[in-house]
Amino acid sequence: MDITSPTYLRARIDMIRDVLSKSDAKDFHVALLRNGVFPKDSDEKGLVEVYAKQKDYSNEPLSLTELCTFNTWFNLYPEKVCGEEVVTTSREFPISIKGNETWITNTINHALGDFQLILELPGDWYIDYFDPSNEDFSVDYRLGTYKIQIFSHGVDYNFQIQNGDFLLENINYRYIEDANAHALRFMQSNPLANTDVSDLEIEALALEYELQLKRL
């Protein structure tokens, strides 16, 4: 069953109501369900599909009340959550959203039809440059001597990978999704920063000089 269909979502709402009516309000999973979140180990889709077979649910568009019940709207549009949903230990506020200004800005831009999404970075990669207020999209990702740059170039997106002064790749992509997929593959294959041997030797030499000076 399509988990975005009105039939599925209506069965989901009824199932949560039914479970809550038979549960101890002090149980932590009850606090999660009140916020429309199932415990991690539960098979939400399987449970809802079993429940949906017990009643002939309408497939008409959901009402505003239904969309606002048990987090249904965000369950239908998870990409509109401005961050990552995190389960807390608080019964009053069991769900927290972990994100930042960049994440919020990009989520809103995505909703407006701007698919210039910033990647969730693996390993030691970090954003070296990004200005959400800049109407011309440009982002630099870095890891040690590696630099990945993606920026708008006319109707395309220019994608570059550099290692120090050397340009390893230079490709134009029509869609930002393709450029991001290429960047993510490279990041995942190079997740950690490597310290150059010569740098280690210099650090060891500096430490040796420092020890000698302390003995004088």
Protein backbone atom coordinates (compact mmCIF):
# COMPACT_ATOMS: atom_id res chain seq x y z
CA MET A 1 0.00 0.00 0.00
CA ASP A 2 1.20 3.50 -0.85
CA ILE A 3 2.11 5.16 2.48
CA THR A 4 1.24 8.58 1.03
CA SER A 5 -2.29 7.62 0.01
CA PRO A 6 -5.26 9.12 1.93
CA THR A 7 -6.48 5.57 2.64
CA TYR A 8 -3.21 4.63 4.35
CA LEU A 9 -2.97 7.90 6.29
CA ARG A 10 -6.57 7.67 7.52
CA ALA A 11 -5.97 4.11 8.73
CA ARG A 12 -2.76 5.36 10.41
CA ILE A 13 -4.68 8.05 12.31
CA ASP A 14 -7.36 5.59 13.47
CA MET A 15 -4.76 3.02 14.49
CA ILE A 16 -2.84 5.55 16.62
CA ARG A 17 -6.09 6.67 18.28
CA ASP A 18 -7.00 3.07 19.02
CA VAL A 19 -3.56 2.24 20.47
CA LEU A 20 -3.54 5.40 22.62
CA SER A 21 -7.00 4.59 24.04
CA LYS A 22 -5.75 1.19 25.24
CA SER A 23 -2.31 2.26 26.52
CA ASP A 24 -0.96 3.53 29.81
CA ALA A 25 -0.46 7.29 29.46
CA LYS A 26 2.76 6.99 31.50
CA ASP A 27 4.48 4.76 28.92
CA PHE A 28 7.10 6.58 26.88
CA HIS A 29 5.95 5.08 23.57
CA VAL A 30 2.56 6.70 24.21
CA ALA A 31 4.24 10.13 24.29
CA LEU A 32 5.88 9.30 20.96
CA LEU A 33 2.60 8.14 19.38
CA ARG A 34 0.84 11.33 20.50
CA ASN A 35 3.37 13.10 18.28
CA GLY A 36 2.76 10.69 15.42
CA VAL A 37 6.07 8.85 15.85
CA PHE A 38 6.29 5.08 16.15
CA PRO A 39 8.98 3.36 18.27
CA LYS A 40 12.06 2.47 16.20
CA ASP A 41 11.57 -1.30 16.40
CA SER A 42 7.94 -1.24 15.25
CA ASP A 43 6.77 -2.07 11.72
CA GLU A 44 4.62 1.00 11.15
CA LYS A 45 3.69 0.18 7.55
CA GLY A 46 2.79 -3.43 8.33
CA LEU A 47 0.67 -2.45 11.33
CA VAL A 48 -1.22 0.24 9.44
CA GLU A 49 -1.88 -2.06 6.45
CA VAL A 50 -3.41 -4.68 8.75
CA TYR A 51 -5.60 -2.00 10.33
CA ALA A 52 -6.61 -0.59 6.90
CA LYS A 53 -8.13 -3.96 5.94
CA GLN A 54 -10.64 -3.72 8.79
CA LYS A 55 -12.50 -0.71 7.34
CA ASP A 56 -13.35 0.76 3.94
CA TYR A 57 -11.37 4.01 4.15
CA SER A 58 -12.00 6.82 1.71
CA ASN A 59 -9.27 7.79 -0.73
CA GLU A 60 -10.50 11.39 -0.97
CA PRO A 61 -7.94 14.13 -0.15
CA LEU A 62 -7.34 14.57 3.57
CA SER A 63 -9.02 17.40 5.44
CA LEU A 64 -6.99 20.06 7.24
CA THR A 65 -7.89 18.43 10.56
CA GLU A 66 -6.59 15.06 9.36
CA LEU A 67 -3.38 16.61 8.04
CA CYS A 68 -2.77 18.25 11.42
CA THR A 69 -3.43 15.07 13.43
CA PHE A 70 -0.55 12.90 14.71
CA ASN A 71 2.09 14.57 12.55
CA THR A 72 0.31 13.37 9.39
CA TRP A 73 1.42 16.33 7.28
CA PHE A 74 5.11 15.77 8.05
CA ASN A 75 4.65 12.03 7.61
CA LEU A 76 3.30 12.83 4.15
CA TYR A 77 6.06 15.37 3.41
CA PRO A 78 9.17 14.32 5.41
CA GLU A 79 11.36 16.50 3.18
CA LYS A 80 9.70 19.58 4.72
CA VAL A 81 11.13 18.89 8.19
CA CYS A 82 13.82 21.54 8.71
CA GLY A 83 16.35 19.15 10.20
CA GLU A 84 16.59 15.64 11.58
CA GLU A 85 13.96 14.26 13.96
CA VAL A 86 15.61 13.06 17.17
CA VAL A 87 13.90 11.09 19.94
CA THR A 88 14.59 12.64 23.37
CA THR A 89 14.09 11.30 26.89
CA SER A 90 11.42 13.88 27.72
CA ARG A 91 7.83 12.67 27.99
CA GLU A 92 6.52 16.20 27.44
CA PHE A 93 8.74 16.88 24.40
CA PRO A 94 9.74 13.44 23.08
CA ILE A 95 10.70 14.70 19.61
CA SER A 96 13.32 17.31 18.85
CA ILE A 97 14.47 18.70 15.49
CA LYS A 98 18.24 18.86 15.05
CA GLY A 99 19.21 21.33 12.34
CA ASN A 100 20.77 24.71 11.67
CA GLU A 101 20.13 27.89 9.70
CA THR A 102 21.57 26.42 6.50
CA TRP A 103 19.36 23.35 6.77
CA ILE A 104 16.27 25.52 7.36
CA THR A 105 17.07 27.84 4.45
CA ASN A 106 17.63 24.95 2.05
CA THR A 107 14.48 23.14 3.18
CA ILE A 108 12.41 26.26 2.50
CA ASN A 109 14.13 26.80 -0.86
CA HIS A 110 13.41 23.17 -1.76
CA ALA A 111 9.72 23.68 -0.95
CA LEU A 112 9.68 26.73 -3.24
CA GLY A 113 11.07 24.66 -6.11
CA ASP A 114 14.76 25.45 -5.62
CA PHE A 115 16.54 22.09 -5.53
CA GLN A 116 19.94 23.52 -4.59
CA LEU A 117 20.30 21.30 -1.55
CA ILE A 118 23.33 21.18 0.70
CA LEU A 119 24.61 17.67 1.34
CA GLU A 120 24.65 15.94 4.70
CA LEU A 121 28.38 15.38 4.91
CA PRO A 122 30.05 12.05 5.74
CA GLY A 123 33.25 11.58 7.71
CA ASP A 124 35.46 14.65 8.22
CA TRP A 125 34.07 16.65 5.30
CA TYR A 126 32.86 20.16 6.12
CA ILE A 127 31.37 23.19 4.35
CA ASP A 128 34.13 25.69 3.64
CA TYR A 129 31.86 28.22 1.92
CA PHE A 130 28.14 28.65 1.46
CA ASP A 131 26.02 31.80 1.53
CA PRO A 132 22.25 31.08 1.40
CA SER A 133 21.59 34.77 0.69
CA ASN A 134 23.62 34.61 -2.54
CA GLU A 135 21.21 34.30 -5.48
CA ASP A 136 23.93 32.48 -7.46
CA PHE A 137 24.31 29.07 -5.84
CA SER A 138 27.86 28.15 -4.84
CA VAL A 139 29.21 25.76 -2.22
CA ASP A 140 32.71 24.54 -1.34
CA TYR A 141 33.24 21.29 0.57
CA ARG A 142 36.66 20.46 2.03
CA LEU A 143 38.59 17.56 3.48
CA GLY A 144 42.33 18.03 3.99
CA THR A 145 43.79 18.91 0.58
CA TYR A 146 40.57 17.92 -1.22
CA LYS A 147 38.05 20.54 -2.29
CA ILE A 148 34.72 19.95 -4.04
CA GLN A 149 33.09 22.98 -5.58
CA ILE A 150 29.59 23.13 -7.05
CA PHE A 151 28.23 26.37 -8.44
CA SER A 152 25.58 27.56 -10.89
CA HIS A 153 26.93 28.09 -14.37
CA GLY A 154 24.29 29.50 -16.70
CA VAL A 155 21.57 26.86 -16.85
CA ASP A 156 23.97 24.16 -15.62
CA TYR A 157 25.97 23.41 -12.48
CA ASN A 158 29.74 23.24 -12.64
CA PHE A 159 31.25 20.45 -10.54
CA GLN A 160 34.95 20.42 -9.67
CA ILE A 161 37.18 18.25 -7.50
CA GLN A 162 40.62 19.58 -6.60
CA ASN A 163 43.52 18.08 -4.68
CA GLY A 164 45.74 20.97 -3.70
CA ASP A 165 46.64 22.79 -6.92
CA PHE A 166 45.58 19.87 -9.12
CA LEU A 167 42.16 19.82 -10.81
CA LEU A 168 41.00 16.19 -10.74
CA GLU A 169 37.54 16.58 -12.30
CA ASN A 170 35.60 19.35 -14.03
CA ILE A 171 32.07 18.45 -15.20
CA ASN A 172 28.91 20.38 -16.04
CA TYR A 173 25.66 18.87 -14.80
CA ARG A 174 22.17 19.91 -15.87
CA TYR A 175 20.69 19.07 -12.48
CA ILE A 176 22.01 19.79 -9.00
CA GLU A 177 20.89 16.31 -7.88
CA ASP A 178 23.40 14.70 -10.27
CA ALA A 179 26.23 16.96 -9.11
CA ASN A 180 25.39 16.22 -5.47
CA ALA A 181 25.29 12.47 -6.13
CA HIS A 182 28.78 12.63 -7.69
CA ALA A 183 30.09 14.68 -4.76
CA LEU A 184 28.62 12.28 -2.21
CA ARG A 185 30.16 9.24 -3.91
CA PHE A 186 33.59 10.87 -3.79
CA MET A 187 33.14 11.90 -0.14
CA GLN A 188 32.07 8.42 0.87
CA SER A 189 35.14 6.93 -0.81
CA ASN A 190 37.37 9.51 0.93
CA PRO A 191 35.72 10.09 4.32
CA LEU A 192 38.75 10.89 6.50
CA ALA A 193 41.46 13.51 6.36
CA ASN A 194 44.98 12.09 5.99
CA THR A 195 47.89 13.86 7.64
CA ASP A 196 50.84 14.13 5.25
CA VAL A 197 53.99 12.28 6.38
CA SER A 198 56.09 15.41 5.95
CA ASP A 199 53.73 17.30 8.27
CA LEU A 200 54.16 14.62 10.91
CA GLU A 201 57.95 14.82 10.56
CA ILE A 202 57.88 18.61 11.00
CA GLU A 203 55.67 18.30 14.08
CA ALA A 204 58.00 15.69 15.59
CA LEU A 205 61.04 17.90 14.89
CA ALA A 206 59.34 20.91 16.48
CA LEU A 207 58.51 18.84 19.55
CA GLU A 208 62.14 17.68 19.80
CA TYR A 209 63.41 21.28 19.66
CA GLU A 210 60.88 22.27 22.33
CA LEU A 211 62.10 19.51 24.65
CA GLN A 212 65.72 20.49 24.11
CA LEU A 213 64.98 24.13 24.89
CA LYS A 214 63.30 23.12 28.16
CA ARG A 215 66.45 21.26 29.19
CA LEU A 216 68.65 24.37 28.72
